[in-house]
């Protein structure tokens, strides 16, 4: 009984049950659903509480994990560049698909709190770049100015990489602190069923049945976007490397099963490494660097999700994104996807961060949090698949791998 109520293993089931229970309560018990809102507010406050430490320690430990300055040169630069391009492509796909499906259109906001369009960030891209540099990092953290914080964090982490052994203890402290923060996130998630119940009950009571049509369109848009990312990136990889498409898919099946089951990019690293080196014959010399790094910075699914989320919320409130704001969405989505933790539920925190950073209301994060695992399965799967595809592209470019290596040793068939 204890495991059923508190074990991380059963958390998705508890959240799903409370998600449905909250909907029922919102439809049948209006006054109670309005009264119970503070329990949901506590959950969202705990999520906001972790915003600064998650960004700082996750990004710091991720960059510092590169360790060797030499790896930041030729091969390292190529790997990072490929991952960044993949992330930008994911953002562009998100913009295209969301402008076709319009998941947040025709949403009745008469029962929702008024939103001042002036809160939507409208600064130019040039000002955005200039404002990245903080004059006081403590003040930036206190105000949760995420972009300024990311600038400082990247600079801090790169400095540690250059110092090497001299900064070894600091790297270890940051890595251990990141683990502590992830554990705190796990603890907060134990309360998430209660928070999700309260938030869904209140959201359903306030927004009514129209909410579920919008959420269904959001989920559908997200899934279609993930399929387009895989199709685009795998197609490019096939054309450039010549890797047999069926062989590629067969090699990734164990990886896909694990990502759907765990929703964790970081937790899938051993299986991804095995698929890349044993089944696709990529040398460990590059895979051991690119796969773990990809689990940290190559989160194409997360970039797609944030892009769709911004347009989804903007459409609900009848807001029109300018070209400058769209460019900001791509830039911030890319940066935040690099900073995002590759752990289950991390997208709930970063989604809230992203909306706050763009000046958009966070009301819709409550129902999205309730069904986040459903879309996170596709996010994690496309994230990890991108790591393998990026590794193949760089290995081919470096001439340390080619498709003929696949036939050097016949692939063992499972009995």
Protein backbone atom coordinates (compact mmCIF):
# COMPACT_ATOMS: atom_id res chain seq x y z
CA UNK A 1 0.00 0.00 0.00
CA UNK A 2 2.89 2.35 0.83
CA UNK A 3 4.46 1.77 -2.60
CA UNK A 4 1.12 2.35 -4.30
CA UNK A 5 0.70 5.71 -2.54
CA UNK A 6 4.28 6.99 -2.56
CA UNK A 7 6.45 4.96 -4.96
CA UNK A 8 7.77 6.83 -8.01
CA UNK A 9 6.92 3.76 -10.09
CA UNK A 10 3.17 4.28 -9.61
CA UNK A 11 3.22 8.10 -9.79
CA UNK A 12 1.86 8.28 -13.38
CA UNK A 13 -1.11 6.12 -12.36
CA UNK A 14 -1.83 8.29 -9.31
CA UNK A 15 -1.62 11.44 -11.43
CA UNK A 16 -3.90 9.92 -14.09
CA UNK A 17 -6.49 8.90 -11.48
CA UNK A 18 -6.43 12.34 -9.84
CA UNK A 19 -6.53 14.01 -13.25
CA UNK A 20 -9.79 12.19 -14.09
CA UNK A 21 -11.17 12.68 -10.57
CA UNK A 22 -10.47 16.41 -10.82
CA UNK A 23 -12.40 16.63 -14.09
CA UNK A 24 -15.38 14.82 -12.55
CA UNK A 25 -15.28 17.07 -9.47
CA UNK A 26 -15.09 20.18 -11.65
CA UNK A 27 -18.12 19.13 -13.66
CA UNK A 28 -20.29 18.00 -10.71
CA UNK A 29 -19.15 20.05 -7.69
CA UNK A 30 -18.54 23.61 -8.80
CA UNK A 31 -18.30 25.30 -5.38
CA UNK A 32 -15.99 22.61 -3.99
CA UNK A 33 -13.76 22.86 -7.07
CA UNK A 34 -13.38 26.62 -6.59
CA UNK A 35 -12.66 26.14 -2.87
CA UNK A 36 -9.95 23.52 -3.42
CA UNK A 37 -7.84 25.76 -5.70
CA UNK A 38 -5.24 26.66 -2.98
CA UNK A 39 -4.08 23.03 -2.89
CA UNK A 40 -3.20 23.37 -6.56
CA UNK A 41 -1.58 26.75 -6.04
CA UNK A 42 0.76 25.17 -3.48
CA UNK A 43 1.85 22.63 -6.11
CA UNK A 44 2.54 25.33 -8.72
CA UNK A 45 4.45 27.38 -6.12
CA UNK A 46 6.65 24.37 -5.36
CA UNK A 47 7.33 23.98 -9.07
CA UNK A 48 8.24 27.69 -9.33
CA UNK A 49 10.48 27.28 -6.27
CA UNK A 50 12.71 24.89 -8.23
CA UNK A 51 13.02 27.05 -11.34
CA UNK A 52 16.30 28.79 -10.43
CA UNK A 53 18.17 25.78 -8.97
CA UNK A 54 17.05 23.43 -11.77
CA UNK A 55 18.36 25.78 -14.45
CA UNK A 56 21.62 26.64 -12.69
CA UNK A 57 22.75 23.20 -11.56
CA UNK A 58 21.39 21.28 -14.55
CA UNK A 59 23.11 23.47 -17.13
CA UNK A 60 26.31 23.79 -15.09
CA UNK A 61 26.73 20.06 -14.55
CA UNK A 62 25.78 19.31 -18.17
CA UNK A 63 28.44 21.60 -19.70
CA UNK A 64 31.04 20.70 -17.09
CA UNK A 65 30.51 17.01 -17.88
CA UNK A 66 32.36 17.59 -21.18
CA UNK A 67 35.46 17.75 -19.01
CA UNK A 68 38.17 17.85 -21.66
CA UNK A 69 38.87 21.17 -23.38
CA UNK A 70 40.14 19.32 -26.46
CA UNK A 71 36.70 17.77 -26.90
CA UNK A 72 35.31 21.25 -27.23
CA UNK A 73 37.32 21.69 -30.40
CA UNK A 74 36.76 19.93 -33.71
CA UNK A 75 34.51 16.97 -32.87
CA UNK A 76 32.89 18.65 -29.90
CA UNK A 77 32.03 21.73 -31.93
CA UNK A 78 30.50 19.60 -34.69
CA UNK A 79 28.39 17.60 -32.23
CA UNK A 80 27.10 20.72 -30.48
CA UNK A 81 26.42 22.45 -33.81
CA UNK A 82 24.45 19.46 -35.12
CA UNK A 83 22.41 19.30 -31.92
CA UNK A 84 21.67 23.03 -31.99
CA UNK A 85 20.58 22.86 -35.65
CA UNK A 86 18.33 19.90 -34.80
CA UNK A 87 16.75 21.90 -31.99
CA UNK A 88 16.13 24.91 -34.24
CA UNK A 89 14.57 22.61 -36.87
CA UNK A 90 12.25 21.24 -34.16
CA UNK A 91 11.18 24.81 -33.28
CA UNK A 92 10.48 25.61 -36.93
CA UNK A 93 8.43 22.43 -37.32
CA UNK A 94 6.49 23.42 -34.19
CA UNK A 95 5.71 26.86 -35.65
CA UNK A 96 4.52 25.36 -38.93
CA UNK A 97 2.31 22.66 -37.40
CA UNK A 98 0.76 24.94 -34.76
CA UNK A 99 -0.21 27.43 -37.46
CA UNK A 100 -1.96 24.63 -39.34
CA UNK A 101 -3.85 23.03 -36.43
CA UNK A 102 -4.46 26.21 -34.31
CA UNK A 103 -5.02 24.20 -31.07
CA UNK A 104 -5.95 27.23 -28.95
CA UNK A 105 -8.26 28.99 -31.39
CA UNK A 106 -11.90 29.89 -30.58
CA UNK A 107 -11.43 29.39 -26.84
CA UNK A 108 -14.01 31.24 -24.73
CA UNK A 109 -12.08 33.37 -22.21
CA UNK A 110 -15.09 35.11 -20.68
CA UNK A 111 -14.71 33.19 -17.40
CA UNK A 112 -10.95 33.66 -17.23
CA UNK A 113 -9.00 36.40 -15.48
CA UNK A 114 -8.27 39.36 -17.74
CA UNK A 115 -4.83 39.38 -19.34
CA UNK A 116 -3.02 42.55 -20.35
CA UNK A 117 -1.40 42.03 -23.78
CA UNK A 118 1.32 44.48 -22.72
CA UNK A 119 2.72 41.70 -20.50
CA UNK A 120 3.70 39.77 -23.62
CA UNK A 121 7.38 40.44 -24.15
CA UNK A 122 7.80 42.62 -27.21
CA UNK A 123 11.48 43.55 -26.99
CA UNK A 124 13.55 43.42 -30.15
CA UNK A 125 15.99 40.62 -30.80
CA UNK A 126 18.87 43.08 -30.46
CA UNK A 127 17.66 44.22 -27.04
CA UNK A 128 17.16 40.61 -26.09
CA UNK A 129 20.84 39.88 -26.76
CA UNK A 130 22.00 43.02 -24.91
CA UNK A 131 19.79 42.25 -21.92
CA UNK A 132 21.25 38.76 -21.59
CA UNK A 133 24.19 40.07 -19.56
CA UNK A 134 23.32 40.57 -15.86
CA UNK A 135 24.78 43.36 -13.76
CA UNK A 136 23.92 41.47 -10.58
CA UNK A 137 23.49 37.69 -10.81
CA UNK A 138 21.91 37.46 -7.35
CA UNK A 139 19.31 40.03 -8.35
CA UNK A 140 18.72 38.18 -11.65
CA UNK A 141 18.07 34.96 -9.73
CA UNK A 142 15.79 36.72 -7.28
CA UNK A 143 13.74 38.16 -10.14
CA UNK A 144 13.93 34.81 -11.97
CA UNK A 145 15.41 36.49 -15.03
CA UNK A 146 16.14 33.17 -16.70
CA UNK A 147 18.05 34.43 -19.74
CA UNK A 148 20.49 36.45 -17.62
CA UNK A 149 20.86 33.46 -15.35
CA UNK A 150 21.57 31.14 -18.27
CA UNK A 151 24.23 33.55 -19.61
CA UNK A 152 26.01 33.57 -16.24
CA UNK A 153 25.62 29.80 -15.83
CA UNK A 154 27.08 29.00 -19.26
CA UNK A 155 30.03 31.31 -18.61
CA UNK A 156 30.54 29.75 -15.19
CA UNK A 157 30.42 26.19 -16.58
CA UNK A 158 32.75 26.90 -19.51
CA UNK A 159 35.26 28.44 -17.09
CA UNK A 160 35.18 25.22 -15.04
CA UNK A 161 35.84 23.16 -18.18
CA UNK A 162 38.89 25.30 -19.01
CA UNK A 163 40.23 25.06 -15.47
CA UNK A 164 40.09 21.27 -15.62
CA UNK A 165 41.37 19.57 -12.47
CA UNK A 166 41.61 22.89 -10.62
CA UNK A 167 37.81 23.11 -10.68
CA UNK A 168 37.22 19.38 -10.16
CA UNK A 169 35.75 19.84 -6.68
CA UNK A 170 33.42 22.60 -7.87
CA UNK A 171 32.25 20.38 -10.74
CA UNK A 172 31.56 17.56 -8.29
CA UNK A 173 29.64 19.91 -6.00
CA UNK A 174 27.51 21.19 -8.90
CA UNK A 175 26.88 17.66 -10.12
CA UNK A 176 25.87 16.51 -6.64
CA UNK A 177 23.73 19.62 -6.19
CA UNK A 178 21.98 18.81 -9.48
CA UNK A 179 21.19 15.33 -8.16
CA UNK A 180 19.80 16.89 -4.97
CA UNK A 181 17.59 19.24 -6.98
CA UNK A 182 16.35 16.35 -9.12
CA UNK A 183 15.50 14.47 -5.94
CA UNK A 184 13.66 17.54 -4.66
CA UNK A 185 11.72 17.52 -7.91
CA UNK A 186 10.87 13.85 -7.27
CA UNK A 187 9.64 14.78 -3.77
CA UNK A 188 7.52 17.62 -5.14
CA UNK A 189 6.08 15.20 -7.70
CA UNK A 190 4.86 12.97 -4.85
CA UNK A 191 2.43 15.78 -4.02
CA UNK A 192 1.58 16.28 -7.70
CA UNK A 193 -1.54 14.02 -7.69
CA UNK A 194 -3.12 16.26 -5.03
CA UNK A 195 -2.06 19.38 -6.90
CA UNK A 196 -3.28 18.02 -10.23
CA UNK A 197 -6.64 17.06 -8.71
CA UNK A 198 -7.13 20.57 -7.27
CA UNK A 199 -5.95 22.31 -10.43
CA UNK A 200 -8.04 20.17 -12.77
CA UNK A 201 -11.13 20.51 -10.59
CA UNK A 202 -10.77 24.29 -10.53
CA UNK A 203 -9.81 24.54 -14.20
CA UNK A 204 -12.77 22.41 -15.28
CA UNK A 205 -15.17 24.39 -13.10
CA UNK A 206 -13.93 27.69 -14.53
CA UNK A 207 -13.36 26.81 -18.20
CA UNK A 208 -15.96 24.11 -18.70
CA UNK A 209 -16.07 21.35 -21.32
CA UNK A 210 -14.37 23.45 -24.00
CA UNK A 211 -11.06 22.85 -22.20
CA UNK A 212 -10.87 19.23 -23.36
CA UNK A 213 -11.24 20.04 -27.03
CA UNK A 214 -8.31 22.46 -26.75
CA UNK A 215 -6.19 19.93 -24.83
CA UNK A 216 -6.93 17.21 -27.38
CA UNK A 217 -5.82 19.52 -30.19
CA UNK A 218 -2.69 20.41 -28.18
CA UNK A 219 -1.76 16.73 -27.72
CA UNK A 220 -2.48 15.92 -31.37
CA UNK A 221 -0.39 18.87 -32.55
CA UNK A 222 2.48 17.79 -30.30
CA UNK A 223 2.42 14.18 -31.54
CA UNK A 224 2.27 15.20 -35.19
CA UNK A 225 5.19 17.56 -34.57
CA UNK A 226 7.28 14.75 -33.03
CA UNK A 227 6.56 12.50 -36.02
CA UNK A 228 7.61 15.28 -38.40
CA UNK A 229 10.84 15.83 -36.45
CA UNK A 230 11.70 12.13 -36.67
CA UNK A 231 10.79 11.98 -40.36
CA UNK A 232 12.83 15.08 -41.21
CA UNK A 233 15.95 14.26 -39.18
CA UNK A 234 16.01 10.54 -39.99
CA UNK A 235 15.50 11.36 -43.68
CA UNK A 236 18.46 13.74 -43.66
CA UNK A 237 20.58 11.14 -41.84
CA UNK A 238 19.61 8.43 -44.34
CA UNK A 239 20.48 10.62 -47.31
CA UNK A 240 23.83 11.75 -45.87
CA UNK A 241 25.07 8.52 -44.28
CA UNK A 242 23.32 5.87 -46.35
CA UNK A 243 22.43 3.89 -43.23
CA UNK A 244 19.71 1.33 -44.11
CA UNK A 245 16.46 2.78 -42.77
CA UNK A 246 15.06 -0.54 -41.54
CA UNK A 247 18.37 -1.35 -39.80
CA UNK A 248 18.28 2.05 -38.11
CA UNK A 249 14.72 1.55 -36.86
CA UNK A 250 15.42 -2.00 -35.63
CA UNK A 251 18.44 -0.75 -33.70
CA UNK A 252 16.35 1.92 -32.00
CA UNK A 253 13.39 -0.28 -30.98
CA UNK A 254 14.88 -1.13 -27.51
CA UNK A 255 15.62 2.57 -27.02
CA UNK A 256 12.06 3.57 -27.93
CA UNK A 257 10.57 0.99 -25.55
CA UNK A 258 12.69 2.37 -22.71
CA UNK A 259 11.90 6.03 -23.44
CA UNK A 260 8.17 5.34 -23.49
CA UNK A 261 8.42 3.42 -20.21
CA UNK A 262 10.73 5.79 -18.29
CA UNK A 263 10.30 9.23 -19.94
CA UNK A 264 13.97 9.81 -19.15
CA UNK A 265 16.65 10.78 -21.67
CA UNK A 266 19.39 10.47 -19.05
CA UNK A 267 18.12 7.10 -17.82
CA UNK A 268 18.22 5.71 -21.37
CA UNK A 269 21.92 6.50 -21.97
CA UNK A 270 23.24 2.91 -21.45
CA UNK A 271 20.68 1.44 -23.86
CA UNK A 272 21.26 4.22 -26.39
CA UNK A 273 25.02 3.68 -26.25
CA UNK A 274 24.53 -0.04 -26.81
CA UNK A 275 22.27 0.53 -29.81
CA UNK A 276 24.68 3.08 -31.30
CA UNK A 277 27.91 1.14 -30.85
CA UNK A 278 26.81 -2.51 -31.02
CA UNK A 279 24.00 -2.38 -33.57
CA UNK A 280 25.01 0.62 -35.67
CA UNK A 281 28.79 0.08 -35.25
CA UNK A 282 29.63 3.69 -34.37
CA UNK A 283 33.02 3.83 -32.56
CA UNK A 284 32.78 4.30 -28.81
CA UNK A 285 35.33 7.12 -29.07
CA UNK A 286 32.64 9.44 -30.40
CA UNK A 287 29.48 7.79 -29.05
CA UNK A 288 30.69 7.96 -25.44
CA UNK A 289 30.89 11.74 -25.83
CA UNK A 290 27.94 12.57 -28.09
CA UNK A 291 25.25 10.34 -26.53
CA UNK A 292 25.59 11.56 -22.89
CA UNK A 293 25.97 15.14 -24.13
CA UNK A 294 22.89 14.73 -26.30
CA UNK A 295 20.85 13.56 -23.31
CA UNK A 296 21.64 16.95 -21.77
CA UNK A 297 21.49 19.45 -24.64
CA UNK A 298 19.74 17.77 -27.61
CA UNK A 299 16.12 17.92 -26.48
CA UNK A 300 14.30 18.44 -29.76
CA UNK A 301 11.01 17.23 -28.30
CA UNK A 302 11.30 19.77 -25.50
CA UNK A 303 11.95 22.56 -28.02
CA UNK A 304 8.89 21.53 -30.04
CA UNK A 305 6.75 21.41 -26.89
CA UNK A 306 7.75 24.90 -25.74
CA UNK A 307 7.15 26.36 -29.19
CA UNK A 308 3.70 24.81 -29.46
CA UNK A 309 2.95 25.79 -25.84
CA UNK A 310 3.70 29.47 -26.49
CA UNK A 311 1.45 29.66 -29.56
CA UNK A 312 -1.23 27.55 -27.86
CA UNK A 313 -1.49 29.90 -24.88
CA UNK A 314 -1.23 32.99 -27.10
CA UNK A 315 -4.12 31.73 -29.27
CA UNK A 316 -6.29 31.05 -26.23
CA UNK A 317 -5.91 34.68 -25.19
CA UNK A 318 -6.30 36.00 -28.73
CA UNK A 319 -2.71 37.24 -28.94
CA UNK A 320 -0.80 37.55 -32.21
CA UNK A 321 2.89 36.73 -32.25
CA UNK A 322 5.03 39.19 -34.19
CA UNK A 323 8.08 38.11 -36.18
CA UNK A 324 10.34 39.44 -33.42
CA UNK A 325 8.46 37.48 -30.77
CA UNK A 326 8.55 34.36 -32.94
CA UNK A 327 12.32 34.74 -33.27
CA UNK A 328 12.52 35.07 -29.50
CA UNK A 329 10.47 31.90 -29.07
CA UNK A 330 12.91 29.98 -31.29
CA UNK A 331 15.95 31.41 -29.48
CA UNK A 332 14.62 30.91 -25.96
CA UNK A 333 13.23 27.44 -26.77
CA UNK A 334 16.64 26.39 -28.08
CA UNK A 335 18.51 27.78 -25.09
CA UNK A 336 16.06 26.35 -22.57
CA UNK A 337 16.06 22.95 -24.24
CA UNK A 338 19.81 22.87 -23.73
CA UNK A 339 19.23 23.78 -20.08
CA UNK A 340 16.36 21.35 -19.51
CA UNK A 341 16.97 18.30 -17.27
CA UNK A 342 16.61 14.98 -19.07
CA UNK A 343 14.39 13.56 -16.34
CA UNK A 344 10.70 12.66 -16.09
CA UNK A 345 8.49 15.66 -15.36
CA UNK A 346 11.18 18.20 -16.16
CA UNK A 347 9.02 19.72 -18.89
CA UNK A 348 6.42 20.82 -16.34
CA UNK A 349 9.00 23.04 -14.66
CA UNK A 350 10.59 24.33 -17.87
CA UNK A 351 7.17 24.91 -19.45
CA UNK A 352 6.26 27.19 -16.55
CA UNK A 353 9.65 28.92 -16.82
CA UNK A 354 9.17 29.48 -20.55
CA UNK A 355 5.68 30.99 -20.25
CA UNK A 356 6.88 33.25 -17.44
CA UNK A 357 9.87 34.33 -19.51
CA UNK A 358 7.67 35.19 -22.49
CA UNK A 359 5.27 37.12 -20.27
CA UNK A 360 2.42 34.69 -21.01
CA UNK A 361 -0.07 33.54 -18.32
CA UNK A 362 0.61 30.15 -16.76
CA UNK A 363 -3.03 29.14 -16.19
CA UNK A 364 -2.91 26.38 -18.81
CA UNK A 365 0.09 24.69 -17.17
CA UNK A 366 -2.24 23.09 -14.62
CA UNK A 367 -4.20 20.90 -17.07
CA UNK A 368 -1.07 20.30 -19.16
CA UNK A 369 0.77 19.11 -16.04
CA UNK A 370 -1.98 16.56 -15.47
CA UNK A 371 -1.51 14.87 -18.82
CA UNK A 372 2.16 15.75 -19.35
CA UNK A 373 3.36 12.15 -19.20
CA UNK A 374 1.23 11.37 -22.25
CA UNK A 375 3.11 13.86 -24.42
CA UNK A 376 6.45 13.40 -22.63
CA UNK A 377 6.64 9.85 -24.02
CA UNK A 378 6.89 11.26 -27.53
CA UNK A 379 9.24 14.07 -26.41
CA UNK A 380 11.73 11.69 -24.81
CA UNK A 381 11.59 9.27 -27.73
CA UNK A 382 12.36 11.94 -30.32
CA UNK A 383 15.01 13.48 -28.01
CA UNK A 384 17.00 10.27 -27.71
CA UNK A 385 16.51 9.32 -31.36
CA UNK A 386 18.05 12.66 -32.28
CA UNK A 387 21.14 11.83 -30.21
CA UNK A 388 21.72 8.69 -32.29
CA UNK A 389 21.07 10.49 -35.59
CA UNK A 390 23.42 13.34 -34.63
CA UNK A 391 26.13 10.85 -33.68
CA UNK A 392 25.83 9.11 -37.06
CA UNK A 393 26.04 12.44 -38.92
CA UNK A 394 29.19 13.57 -37.10
CA UNK A 395 30.85 10.13 -37.27
CA UNK A 396 30.26 10.03 -41.04
CA UNK A 397 31.56 13.61 -41.45
CA UNK A 398 34.70 12.75 -39.45
CA UNK A 399 35.24 9.66 -41.66
CA UNK A 400 35.41 7.36 -38.65
CA UNK A 401 32.21 5.56 -39.63
CA UNK A 402 30.45 4.56 -42.84
CA UNK A 403 27.58 2.28 -43.78
CA UNK A 404 29.95 -0.51 -44.87
CA UNK A 405 30.91 -1.00 -41.23
CA UNK A 406 27.42 -2.34 -40.61
CA UNK A 407 28.25 -5.38 -42.76
CA UNK A 408 31.65 -5.97 -41.21
CA UNK A 409 30.00 -8.20 -38.65
CA UNK A 410 26.54 -9.68 -39.33
CA UNK A 411 23.88 -8.44 -36.97
CA UNK A 412 22.79 -11.21 -34.62
CA UNK A 413 19.15 -12.06 -35.00
CA UNK A 414 17.10 -12.59 -31.89
CA UNK A 415 15.67 -16.05 -31.54
